[in-house]
Amino acid sequence: MARPRQFDEQDAVTKATGLFWRRGYNATSVRDLGAELELTPSSLYRTFIDKHTLFLRALDHYQATDSAEAEHRLDAAGRPVREVLREWMLWLVSCPSDGEPSRGCFVVNTATELGTADDQVHQRTEAAFEVTRRALRSLLLEGRDNGELPAALDVDASVELLFTAVLGLRVRERAGHDPARLATAIDAAIRALDTI
């Protein structure tokens, strides 16, 4: 009779997500994962097959939580669209309060580390990016339709501008750039909506 697992699999995925997020895929070894998850290599392989499969689970876990949070924060719900957009972008680049160095965005970090070399990872990062684009599009359409944004606003171009700005902001945040300078860039990107 097989012994029951002595650990919570979802808790292990959550811990693995944190480790991959801090260190990246290539810099995280199976030994590192075993130490973080308090699992022997045989338990890790028995449960998750291999490092790559666990990494995909970690990406899925992060995307589910991060995408849900982004969609929630980009839901205007009667609030001024520019205010919602600014608060969301500032939230994206706010430094952790627990004294940890900035980790940036796990999806952005993964896309820059692995690019298109791994098709399964690429599909997941693109799906996460698409969630952000859709939420931005919905917010901008709401702003245009209710008169807060110019009637002639090119929504598709604006989504791409803001999405590109967000990716750059996430990289700069991870690099430890001054939050005040990032806020200046955010304000400039939002002002640009009046000219697109």
N, C-alpha and C. Protein backbone atom coordinates (compact mmCIF):
# COMPACT_ATOMS: atom_id res chain seq x y z
N MET A 1 0.85 -1.18 0.00
CA MET A 1 0.00 0.00 0.00
C MET A 1 0.89 1.25 0.00
N ALA A 2 0.60 2.19 -0.90
CA ALA A 2 1.43 3.39 -1.02
C ALA A 2 1.25 4.28 0.21
N ARG A 3 2.38 4.90 0.61
CA ARG A 3 2.30 5.84 1.73
C ARG A 3 1.65 7.14 1.27
N PRO A 4 0.79 7.74 2.09
CA PRO A 4 0.19 9.03 1.69
C PRO A 4 1.26 10.12 1.69
N ARG A 5 1.07 11.11 0.83
CA ARG A 5 2.00 12.24 0.79
C ARG A 5 1.96 12.98 2.11
N GLN A 6 3.13 13.41 2.56
CA GLN A 6 3.23 14.11 3.83
C GLN A 6 3.35 15.62 3.65
N PHE A 7 2.93 16.13 2.51
CA PHE A 7 3.02 17.57 2.28
C PHE A 7 1.85 18.03 1.43
N ASP A 8 1.60 19.31 1.48
CA ASP A 8 0.52 19.93 0.71
C ASP A 8 1.09 20.32 -0.65
N GLU A 9 0.58 19.70 -1.70
CA GLU A 9 1.12 19.92 -3.04
C GLU A 9 0.97 21.38 -3.48
N GLN A 10 -0.19 21.99 -3.19
CA GLN A 10 -0.39 23.39 -3.61
C GLN A 10 0.54 24.33 -2.84
N ASP A 11 0.77 24.03 -1.58
CA ASP A 11 1.72 24.82 -0.80
C ASP A 11 3.12 24.70 -1.39
N ALA A 12 3.47 23.51 -1.85
CA ALA A 12 4.78 23.30 -2.49
C ALA A 12 4.89 24.12 -3.78
N VAL A 13 3.82 24.16 -4.56
CA VAL A 13 3.82 24.96 -5.80
C VAL A 13 3.98 26.44 -5.46
N THR A 14 3.30 26.90 -4.42
CA THR A 14 3.41 28.29 -4.00
C THR A 14 4.85 28.63 -3.60
N LYS A 15 5.48 27.74 -2.83
CA LYS A 15 6.87 27.97 -2.43
C LYS A 15 7.81 27.94 -3.62
N ALA A 16 7.56 27.01 -4.54
CA ALA A 16 8.39 26.94 -5.75
C ALA A 16 8.23 28.20 -6.58
N THR A 17 7.02 28.74 -6.63
CA THR A 17 6.79 29.98 -7.38
C THR A 17 7.66 31.09 -6.81
N GLY A 18 7.69 31.22 -5.49
CA GLY A 18 8.52 32.24 -4.86
C GLY A 18 9.98 32.08 -5.17
N LEU A 19 10.47 30.85 -5.17
CA LEU A 19 11.88 30.60 -5.46
C LEU A 19 12.21 30.89 -6.91
N PHE A 20 11.40 30.39 -7.84
CA PHE A 20 11.64 30.68 -9.26
C PHE A 20 11.54 32.18 -9.53
N TRP A 21 10.62 32.84 -8.85
CA TRP A 21 10.43 34.28 -9.03
C TRP A 21 11.67 35.04 -8.57
N ARG A 22 12.24 34.64 -7.45
CA ARG A 22 13.44 35.32 -6.94
C ARG A 22 14.67 35.04 -7.78
N ARG A 23 14.83 33.77 -8.19
CA ARG A 23 16.10 33.36 -8.79
C ARG A 23 16.06 33.16 -10.29
N GLY A 24 14.88 32.92 -10.87
CA GLY A 24 14.78 32.59 -12.28
C GLY A 24 14.85 31.09 -12.50
N TYR A 25 14.55 30.68 -13.70
CA TYR A 25 14.51 29.25 -14.01
C TYR A 25 15.90 28.63 -14.00
N ASN A 26 16.80 29.22 -14.77
CA ASN A 26 18.11 28.62 -14.94
C ASN A 26 18.95 28.60 -13.66
N ALA A 27 18.78 29.60 -12.81
CA ALA A 27 19.59 29.69 -11.59
C ALA A 27 19.02 28.86 -10.44
N THR A 28 17.86 28.23 -10.65
CA THR A 28 17.25 27.41 -9.61
C THR A 28 17.51 25.94 -9.92
N SER A 29 18.19 25.27 -9.03
CA SER A 29 18.49 23.85 -9.23
C SER A 29 17.44 22.99 -8.54
N VAL A 30 17.44 21.71 -8.88
CA VAL A 30 16.55 20.76 -8.21
C VAL A 30 16.90 20.71 -6.72
N ARG A 31 18.17 20.81 -6.42
CA ARG A 31 18.59 20.83 -5.01
C ARG A 31 18.00 22.05 -4.29
N ASP A 32 18.04 23.22 -4.95
CA ASP A 32 17.44 24.43 -4.37
C ASP A 32 15.95 24.21 -4.09
N LEU A 33 15.28 23.61 -5.06
CA LEU A 33 13.84 23.36 -4.91
C LEU A 33 13.58 22.40 -3.75
N GLY A 34 14.39 21.36 -3.67
CA GLY A 34 14.22 20.41 -2.57
C GLY A 34 14.38 21.07 -1.21
N ALA A 35 15.38 21.96 -1.11
CA ALA A 35 15.60 22.66 0.15
C ALA A 35 14.44 23.60 0.47
N GLU A 36 13.97 24.33 -0.53
CA GLU A 36 12.87 25.30 -0.34
C GLU A 36 11.57 24.60 0.03
N LEU A 37 11.30 23.48 -0.64
CA LEU A 37 10.04 22.76 -0.45
C LEU A 37 10.14 21.71 0.65
N GLU A 38 11.36 21.52 1.17
CA GLU A 38 11.62 20.50 2.19
C GLU A 38 11.20 19.12 1.68
N LEU A 39 11.65 18.82 0.45
CA LEU A 39 11.35 17.53 -0.18
C LEU A 39 12.65 16.88 -0.62
N THR A 40 12.68 15.58 -0.56
CA THR A 40 13.82 14.86 -1.11
C THR A 40 13.68 14.89 -2.64
N PRO A 41 14.79 14.73 -3.35
CA PRO A 41 14.69 14.69 -4.82
C PRO A 41 13.69 13.64 -5.31
N SER A 42 13.66 12.47 -4.66
CA SER A 42 12.72 11.43 -5.12
C SER A 42 11.27 11.86 -4.92
N SER A 43 10.96 12.53 -3.81
CA SER A 43 9.59 13.04 -3.59
C SER A 43 9.24 14.12 -4.59
N LEU A 44 10.21 14.97 -4.87
CA LEU A 44 9.98 16.05 -5.83
C LEU A 44 9.69 15.48 -7.21
N TYR A 45 10.51 14.53 -7.65
CA TYR A 45 10.31 13.92 -8.97
C TYR A 45 9.03 13.10 -9.03
N ARG A 46 8.71 12.40 -7.95
CA ARG A 46 7.50 11.59 -7.92
C ARG A 46 6.26 12.47 -8.06
N THR A 47 6.29 13.63 -7.44
CA THR A 47 5.12 14.51 -7.45
C THR A 47 5.06 15.40 -8.69
N PHE A 48 6.21 15.97 -9.07
CA PHE A 48 6.20 17.00 -10.12
C PHE A 48 6.89 16.57 -11.42
N ILE A 49 7.39 15.38 -11.50
CA ILE A 49 8.05 14.79 -12.67
C ILE A 49 9.45 15.35 -12.87
N ASP A 50 9.53 16.69 -13.03
CA ASP A 50 10.85 17.30 -13.23
C ASP A 50 10.76 18.80 -12.94
N LYS A 51 11.89 19.46 -12.98
CA LYS A 51 11.96 20.90 -12.69
C LYS A 51 11.10 21.69 -13.66
N HIS A 52 11.13 21.34 -14.93
CA HIS A 52 10.38 22.08 -15.94
C HIS A 52 8.88 22.01 -15.68
N THR A 53 8.38 20.82 -15.34
CA THR A 53 6.95 20.67 -15.05
C THR A 53 6.55 21.50 -13.83
N LEU A 54 7.39 21.49 -12.81
CA LEU A 54 7.12 22.30 -11.62
C LEU A 54 7.15 23.79 -11.97
N PHE A 55 8.07 24.19 -12.84
CA PHE A 55 8.13 25.59 -13.27
C PHE A 55 6.85 26.00 -13.99
N LEU A 56 6.33 25.13 -14.84
CA LEU A 56 5.07 25.44 -15.53
C LEU A 56 3.93 25.56 -14.53
N ARG A 57 3.92 24.70 -13.52
CA ARG A 57 2.89 24.81 -12.47
C ARG A 57 3.03 26.13 -11.73
N ALA A 58 4.28 26.53 -11.46
CA ALA A 58 4.52 27.80 -10.77
C ALA A 58 4.04 28.98 -11.61
N LEU A 59 4.32 28.95 -12.90
CA LEU A 59 3.84 30.02 -13.79
C LEU A 59 2.31 30.08 -13.80
N ASP A 60 1.68 28.92 -13.88
CA ASP A 60 0.21 28.88 -13.87
C ASP A 60 -0.34 29.44 -12.56
N HIS A 61 0.30 29.08 -11.45
CA HIS A 61 -0.14 29.58 -10.15
C HIS A 61 -0.01 31.11 -10.09
N TYR A 62 1.13 31.62 -10.51
CA TYR A 62 1.36 33.06 -10.49
C TYR A 62 0.36 33.77 -11.39
N GLN A 63 0.18 33.24 -12.60
CA GLN A 63 -0.74 33.88 -13.53
C GLN A 63 -2.15 33.94 -12.97
N ALA A 64 -2.59 32.87 -12.35
CA ALA A 64 -3.95 32.84 -11.81
C ALA A 64 -4.14 33.90 -10.74
N THR A 65 -3.15 34.07 -9.87
CA THR A 65 -3.29 35.06 -8.79
C THR A 65 -3.02 36.47 -9.29
N ASP A 66 -1.96 36.67 -10.08
CA ASP A 66 -1.59 38.01 -10.54
C ASP A 66 -2.60 38.55 -11.53
N SER A 67 -3.05 37.72 -12.47
CA SER A 67 -4.03 38.18 -13.46
C SER A 67 -5.34 38.56 -12.81
N ALA A 68 -5.77 37.78 -11.83
CA ALA A 68 -7.01 38.11 -11.12
C ALA A 68 -6.88 39.44 -10.40
N GLU A 69 -5.72 39.68 -9.79
CA GLU A 69 -5.49 40.94 -9.08
C GLU A 69 -5.47 42.12 -10.05
N ALA A 70 -4.81 41.94 -11.21
CA ALA A 70 -4.76 43.01 -12.21
C ALA A 70 -6.15 43.35 -12.73
N GLU A 71 -6.93 42.31 -13.05
CA GLU A 71 -8.30 42.56 -13.54
C GLU A 71 -9.12 43.29 -12.50
N HIS A 72 -8.98 42.90 -11.24
CA HIS A 72 -9.71 43.56 -10.16
C HIS A 72 -9.30 45.03 -10.06
N ARG A 73 -8.00 45.30 -10.11
CA ARG A 73 -7.52 46.68 -9.97
C ARG A 73 -7.85 47.55 -11.17
N LEU A 74 -8.02 46.95 -12.34
CA LEU A 74 -8.35 47.72 -13.54
C LEU A 74 -9.86 47.85 -13.76
N ASP A 75 -10.64 47.35 -12.84
CA ASP A 75 -12.09 47.51 -12.93
C ASP A 75 -12.45 48.86 -12.33
N ALA A 76 -12.88 49.79 -13.18
CA ALA A 76 -13.12 51.17 -12.75
C ALA A 76 -14.27 51.27 -11.74
N ALA A 77 -15.32 50.52 -11.94
CA ALA A 77 -16.47 50.51 -11.01
C ALA A 77 -16.88 51.91 -10.58
N GLY A 78 -17.09 52.79 -11.55
CA GLY A 78 -17.56 54.13 -11.27
C GLY A 78 -16.49 55.13 -10.88
N ARG A 79 -15.24 54.72 -10.82
CA ARG A 79 -14.14 55.62 -10.47
C ARG A 79 -13.55 56.21 -11.74
N PRO A 80 -12.88 57.36 -11.64
CA PRO A 80 -12.26 57.96 -12.82
C PRO A 80 -11.21 57.01 -13.43
N VAL A 81 -11.27 56.85 -14.74
CA VAL A 81 -10.42 55.90 -15.45
C VAL A 81 -8.94 56.22 -15.28
N ARG A 82 -8.58 57.49 -15.41
CA ARG A 82 -7.16 57.86 -15.25
C ARG A 82 -6.64 57.52 -13.84
N GLU A 83 -7.49 57.73 -12.86
CA GLU A 83 -7.11 57.42 -11.47
C GLU A 83 -6.90 55.92 -11.29
N VAL A 84 -7.80 55.12 -11.83
CA VAL A 84 -7.68 53.67 -11.76
C VAL A 84 -6.39 53.21 -12.44
N LEU A 85 -6.15 53.76 -13.62
CA LEU A 85 -4.96 53.39 -14.38
C LEU A 85 -3.68 53.76 -13.63
N ARG A 86 -3.65 54.96 -13.08
CA ARG A 86 -2.45 55.42 -12.35
C ARG A 86 -2.22 54.56 -11.09
N GLU A 87 -3.28 54.31 -10.34
CA GLU A 87 -3.13 53.50 -9.12
C GLU A 87 -2.64 52.10 -9.45
N TRP A 88 -3.16 51.51 -10.54
CA TRP A 88 -2.73 50.17 -10.93
C TRP A 88 -1.26 50.17 -11.33
N MET A 89 -0.85 51.15 -12.12
CA MET A 89 0.54 51.19 -12.57
C MET A 89 1.49 51.46 -11.40
N LEU A 90 1.08 52.29 -10.47
CA LEU A 90 1.91 52.51 -9.28
C LEU A 90 1.99 51.26 -8.43
N TRP A 91 0.88 50.53 -8.32
CA TRP A 91 0.88 49.27 -7.58
C TRP A 91 1.86 48.28 -8.20
N LEU A 92 1.92 48.25 -9.53
CA LEU A 92 2.82 47.32 -10.22
C LEU A 92 4.28 47.55 -9.85
N VAL A 93 4.64 48.79 -9.60
CA VAL A 93 6.06 49.10 -9.37
C VAL A 93 6.35 49.45 -7.92
N SER A 94 5.39 49.21 -7.04
CA SER A 94 5.64 49.51 -5.63
C SER A 94 6.58 48.44 -5.06
N CYS A 95 7.53 48.88 -4.28
CA CYS A 95 8.52 47.96 -3.71
C CYS A 95 7.89 47.20 -2.55
N PRO A 96 8.31 45.95 -2.35
CA PRO A 96 7.78 45.19 -1.21
C PRO A 96 8.09 45.88 0.10
N SER A 97 7.19 45.76 1.04
CA SER A 97 7.38 46.44 2.33
C SER A 97 8.13 45.57 3.33
N ASP A 98 8.42 44.32 2.97
CA ASP A 98 9.05 43.43 3.93
C ASP A 98 10.57 43.46 3.88
N GLY A 99 11.14 44.43 3.18
CA GLY A 99 12.58 44.57 3.14
C GLY A 99 13.25 43.72 2.08
N GLU A 100 12.48 42.87 1.38
CA GLU A 100 13.06 42.06 0.30
C GLU A 100 13.41 42.95 -0.88
N PRO A 101 14.48 42.59 -1.62
CA PRO A 101 14.74 43.33 -2.84
C PRO A 101 13.61 43.09 -3.84
N SER A 102 13.42 44.04 -4.73
CA SER A 102 12.34 43.93 -5.70
C SER A 102 12.54 42.71 -6.60
N ARG A 103 11.45 42.01 -6.85
CA ARG A 103 11.51 40.83 -7.71
C ARG A 103 10.95 41.09 -9.09
N GLY A 104 10.34 42.25 -9.29
CA GLY A 104 9.70 42.51 -10.58
C GLY A 104 8.48 41.62 -10.74
N CYS A 105 8.16 41.33 -11.98
CA CYS A 105 7.01 40.49 -12.31
C CYS A 105 7.54 39.13 -12.77
N PHE A 106 7.03 38.06 -12.20
CA PHE A 106 7.50 36.72 -12.54
C PHE A 106 7.33 36.44 -14.03
N VAL A 107 6.20 36.86 -14.61
CA VAL A 107 5.96 36.61 -16.03
C VAL A 107 6.94 37.40 -16.90
N VAL A 108 7.13 38.67 -16.58
CA VAL A 108 8.08 39.49 -17.35
C VAL A 108 9.49 38.94 -17.19
N ASN A 109 9.87 38.58 -15.97
CA ASN A 109 11.19 38.01 -15.73
C ASN A 109 11.39 36.74 -16.58
N THR A 110 10.37 35.90 -16.61
CA THR A 110 10.44 34.65 -17.36
C THR A 110 10.53 34.92 -18.86
N ALA A 111 9.73 35.86 -19.35
CA ALA A 111 9.77 36.18 -20.78
C ALA A 111 11.13 36.72 -21.19
N THR A 112 11.76 37.51 -20.32
CA THR A 112 13.08 38.04 -20.68
C THR A 112 14.17 36.98 -20.52
N GLU A 113 13.99 36.05 -19.59
CA GLU A 113 15.00 35.01 -19.40
C GLU A 113 14.92 33.93 -20.49
N LEU A 114 13.71 33.48 -20.79
CA LEU A 114 13.56 32.33 -21.69
C LEU A 114 13.06 32.69 -23.08
N GLY A 115 12.51 33.91 -23.24
CA GLY A 115 12.05 34.35 -24.56
C GLY A 115 11.11 33.36 -25.21
N THR A 116 11.41 33.04 -26.46
CA THR A 116 10.58 32.09 -27.21
C THR A 116 11.23 30.71 -27.30
N ALA A 117 12.30 30.48 -26.54
CA ALA A 117 13.05 29.22 -26.63
C ALA A 117 12.24 28.03 -26.12
N ASP A 118 11.30 28.26 -25.24
CA ASP A 118 10.50 27.19 -24.66
C ASP A 118 9.04 27.47 -25.00
N ASP A 119 8.47 26.66 -25.89
CA ASP A 119 7.13 26.94 -26.40
C ASP A 119 6.07 26.92 -25.31
N GLN A 120 6.17 25.99 -24.36
CA GLN A 120 5.17 25.92 -23.28
C GLN A 120 5.22 27.17 -22.40
N VAL A 121 6.42 27.63 -22.11
CA VAL A 121 6.58 28.84 -21.31
C VAL A 121 6.11 30.04 -22.11
N HIS A 122 6.47 30.10 -23.37
CA HIS A 122 6.07 31.24 -24.23
C HIS A 122 4.55 31.35 -24.30
N GLN A 123 3.87 30.23 -24.46
CA GLN A 123 2.41 30.26 -24.51
C GLN A 123 1.83 30.83 -23.22
N ARG A 124 2.41 30.46 -22.10
CA ARG A 124 1.90 30.95 -20.81
C ARG A 124 2.18 32.43 -20.61
N THR A 125 3.38 32.89 -20.97
CA THR A 125 3.67 34.32 -20.79
C THR A 125 2.79 35.16 -21.72
N GLU A 126 2.59 34.69 -22.95
CA GLU A 126 1.74 35.45 -23.88
C GLU A 126 0.29 35.47 -23.40
N ALA A 127 -0.18 34.37 -22.83
CA ALA A 127 -1.55 34.34 -22.29
C ALA A 127 -1.70 35.34 -21.14
N ALA A 128 -0.69 35.41 -20.29
CA ALA A 128 -0.72 36.37 -19.18
C ALA A 128 -0.71 37.80 -19.71
N PHE A 129 0.13 38.06 -20.70
CA PHE A 129 0.19 39.40 -21.29
C PHE A 129 -1.15 39.77 -21.93
N GLU A 130 -1.80 38.80 -22.54
CA GLU A 130 -3.08 39.07 -23.19
C GLU A 130 -4.16 39.45 -22.16
N VAL A 131 -4.12 38.85 -20.99
CA VAL A 131 -5.07 39.23 -19.94
C VAL A 131 -4.90 40.71 -19.60
N THR A 132 -3.65 41.16 -19.50
CA THR A 132 -3.39 42.57 -19.20
C THR A 132 -3.88 43.46 -20.33
N ARG A 133 -3.60 43.07 -21.56
CA ARG A 133 -4.07 43.87 -22.71
C ARG A 133 -5.59 43.99 -22.72
N ARG A 134 -6.27 42.88 -22.48
CA ARG A 134 -7.74 42.91 -22.48
C ARG A 134 -8.28 43.82 -21.38
N ALA A 135 -7.69 43.74 -20.19
CA ALA A 135 -8.15 44.59 -19.09
C ALA A 135 -7.90 46.06 -19.41
N LEU A 136 -6.74 46.36 -20.00
CA LEU A 136 -6.46 47.75 -20.39
C LEU A 136 -7.45 48.22 -21.45
N ARG A 137 -7.71 47.38 -22.43
CA ARG A 137 -8.65 47.74 -23.50
C ARG A 137 -10.03 48.05 -22.92
N SER A 138 -10.50 47.21 -22.03
CA SER A 138 -11.81 47.41 -21.42
C SER A 138 -11.86 48.74 -20.67
N LEU A 139 -10.80 49.04 -19.92
CA LEU A 139 -10.74 50.29 -19.16
C LEU A 139 -10.73 51.51 -20.10
N LEU A 140 -9.93 51.44 -21.15
CA LEU A 140 -9.84 52.57 -22.07
C LEU A 140 -11.14 52.77 -22.85
N LEU A 141 -11.77 51.69 -23.24
CA LEU A 141 -13.07 51.82 -23.92
C LEU A 141 -14.09 52.47 -23.00
N GLU A 142 -14.08 52.06 -21.74
CA GLU A 142 -15.00 52.67 -20.77
C GLU A 142 -14.74 54.17 -20.66
N GLY A 143 -13.45 54.55 -20.58
CA GLY A 143 -13.10 55.96 -20.48
C GLY A 143 -13.48 56.75 -21.71
N ARG A 144 -13.31 56.14 -22.88
CA ARG A 144 -13.68 56.83 -24.12
C ARG A 144 -15.19 56.96 -24.23
N ASP A 145 -15.90 55.88 -23.87
CA ASP A 145 -17.35 55.89 -24.00
C ASP A 145 -18.03 56.85 -23.03
N ASN A 146 -17.43 57.03 -21.83
CA ASN A 146 -18.08 57.93 -20.86
C ASN A 146 -17.54 59.36 -20.93
N GLY A 147 -16.66 59.63 -21.90
CA GLY A 147 -16.19 60.99 -22.12
C GLY A 147 -14.97 61.40 -21.30
N GLU A 148 -14.44 60.51 -20.48
CA GLU A 148 -13.24 60.85 -19.71
C GLU A 148 -12.00 60.91 -20.60
N LEU A 149 -11.98 60.12 -21.65
CA LEU A 149 -10.87 60.11 -22.59
C LEU A 149 -11.37 60.64 -23.93
N PRO A 150 -10.46 61.14 -24.78
CA PRO A 150 -10.89 61.73 -26.05
C PRO A 150 -11.71 60.75 -26.90
N ALA A 151 -12.74 61.27 -27.56
CA ALA A 151 -13.60 60.44 -28.40
C ALA A 151 -12.82 59.82 -29.56
N ALA A 152 -11.75 60.50 -29.99
CA ALA A 152 -10.96 60.02 -31.12
C ALA A 152 -9.80 59.11 -30.67
N LEU A 153 -9.78 58.74 -29.40
CA LEU A 153 -8.68 57.92 -28.88
C LEU A 153 -8.54 56.63 -29.68
N ASP A 154 -7.33 56.35 -30.14
CA ASP A 154 -7.02 55.09 -30.80
C ASP A 154 -6.76 54.06 -29.68
N VAL A 155 -7.79 53.29 -29.36
CA VAL A 155 -7.72 52.39 -28.22
C VAL A 155 -6.65 51.32 -28.42
N ASP A 156 -6.58 50.74 -29.63
CA ASP A 156 -5.60 49.68 -29.86
C ASP A 156 -4.17 50.20 -29.70
N ALA A 157 -3.87 51.38 -30.25
CA ALA A 157 -2.53 51.96 -30.11
C ALA A 157 -2.25 52.31 -28.65
N SER A 158 -3.27 52.80 -27.95
CA SER A 158 -3.10 53.17 -26.55
C SER A 158 -2.82 51.95 -25.68
N VAL A 159 -3.51 50.84 -25.97
CA VAL A 159 -3.26 49.61 -25.23
C VAL A 159 -1.81 49.18 -25.41
N GLU A 160 -1.33 49.22 -26.66
CA GLU A 160 0.06 48.80 -26.92
C GLU A 160 1.06 49.74 -26.25
N LEU A 161 0.78 51.04 -26.26
CA LEU A 161 1.67 51.99 -25.59
C LEU A 161 1.72 51.71 -24.09
N LEU A 162 0.56 51.58 -23.47
CA LEU A 162 0.52 51.36 -22.02
C LEU A 162 1.11 50.01 -21.65
N PHE A 163 0.82 48.98 -22.47
CA PHE A 163 1.37 47.66 -22.19
C PHE A 163 2.90 47.68 -22.27
N THR A 164 3.42 48.35 -23.28
CA THR A 164 4.88 48.47 -23.41
C THR A 164 5.46 49.25 -22.24
N ALA A 165 4.78 50.30 -21.84
CA ALA A 165 5.23 51.08 -20.68
C ALA A 165 5.24 50.22 -19.43
N VAL A 166 4.21 49.40 -19.26
CA VAL A 166 4.13 48.52 -18.08
C VAL A 166 5.30 47.54 -18.05
N LEU A 167 5.59 46.93 -19.20
CA LEU A 167 6.72 45.98 -19.24
C LEU A 167 8.02 46.68 -18.87
N GLY A 168 8.22 47.87 -19.43
CA GLY A 168 9.43 48.63 -19.10
C GLY A 168 9.48 49.01 -17.63
N LEU A 169 8.35 49.40 -17.08
CA LEU A 169 8.29 49.77 -15.67
C LEU A 169 8.62 48.57 -14.79
N ARG A 170 8.14 47.39 -15.16
CA ARG A 170 8.40 46.20 -14.34
C ARG A 170 9.89 45.85 -14.36
N VAL A 171 10.53 46.02 -15.51
CA VAL A 171 11.98 45.78 -15.59
C VAL A 171 12.73 46.81 -14.76
N ARG A 172 12.35 48.07 -14.88
CA ARG A 172 13.01 49.13 -14.12
C ARG A 172 12.80 48.95 -12.62
N GLU A 173 11.61 48.51 -12.24
CA GLU A 173 11.34 48.27 -10.82
C GLU A 173 12.26 47.18 -10.30
N ARG A 174 12.42 46.11 -11.07
CA ARG A 174 13.30 45.03 -10.62
C ARG A 174 14.75 45.50 -10.54
N ALA A 175 15.13 46.44 -11.41
CA ALA A 175 16.49 46.97 -11.41
C ALA A 175 16.71 47.96 -10.26
N GLY A 176 15.65 48.24 -9.50
CA GLY A 176 15.80 49.09 -8.32
C GLY A 176 15.76 50.59 -8.61
N HIS A 177 15.16 50.97 -9.73
CA HIS A 177 15.08 52.39 -10.06
C HIS A 177 14.18 53.14 -9.08
N ASP A 178 14.47 54.42 -8.94
CA ASP A 178 13.77 55.30 -8.00
C ASP A 178 12.27 55.31 -8.29
N PRO A 179 11.44 54.96 -7.32
CA PRO A 179 9.98 54.95 -7.53
C PRO A 179 9.43 56.31 -8.00
N ALA A 180 10.04 57.39 -7.55
CA ALA A 180 9.56 58.71 -7.98
C ALA A 180 9.75 58.90 -9.49
N ARG A 181 10.85 58.38 -10.01
CA ARG A 181 11.09 58.49 -11.45
C ARG A 181 10.12 57.60 -12.22
N LEU A 182 9.79 56.45 -11.66
CA LEU A 182 8.82 55.57 -12.30
C LEU A 182 7.44 56.22 -12.30
N ALA A 183 7.10 56.91 -11.21
CA ALA A 183 5.82 57.62 -11.14
C ALA A 183 5.76 58.72 -12.19
N THR A 184 6.89 59.39 -12.44
CA THR A 184 6.95 60.42 -13.48
C THR A 184 6.65 59.80 -14.85
N ALA A 185 7.23 58.63 -15.11
CA ALA A 185 6.99 57.94 -16.38
C ALA A 185 5.53 57.52 -16.50
N ILE A 186 4.94 57.07 -15.40
CA ILE A 186 3.53 56.67 -15.40
C ILE A 186 2.65 57.85 -15.74
N ASP A 187 2.90 58.99 -15.11
CA ASP A 187 2.09 60.18 -15.37
C ASP A 187 2.21 60.62 -16.83
N ALA A 188 3.42 60.53 -17.38
CA ALA A 188 3.63 60.91 -18.79
C ALA A 188 2.87 59.96 -19.71
N ALA A 189 2.87 58.66 -19.41
CA ALA A 189 2.16 57.69 -20.25
C ALA A 189 0.66 57.96 -20.22
N ILE A 190 0.14 58.31 -19.05
CA ILE A 190 -1.29 58.59 -18.95
C ILE A 190 -1.65 59.88 -19.67
N ARG A 191 -0.79 60.90 -19.56
CA ARG A 191 -1.03 62.16 -20.31
C ARG A 191 -1.03 61.93 -21.80
N ALA A 192 -0.24 60.97 -22.26
CA ALA A 192 -0.15 60.70 -23.70
C ALA A 192 -1.48 60.22 -24.27
N LEU A 193 -2.39 59.74 -23.42
CA LEU A 193 -3.70 59.30 -23.91
C LEU A 193 -4.48 60.46 -24.54
N ASP A 194 -4.14 61.67 -24.18
CA ASP A 194 -4.84 62.83 -24.76
C ASP A 194 -4.37 63.15 -26.17
N THR A 195 -3.28 62.51 -26.60
CA THR A 195 -2.70 62.86 -27.90
C THR A 195 -2.72 61.70 -28.90
N ILE A 196 -3.15 60.52 -28.47
CA ILE A 196 -3.12 59.36 -29.37
C ILE A 196 -4.40 59.28 -30.19
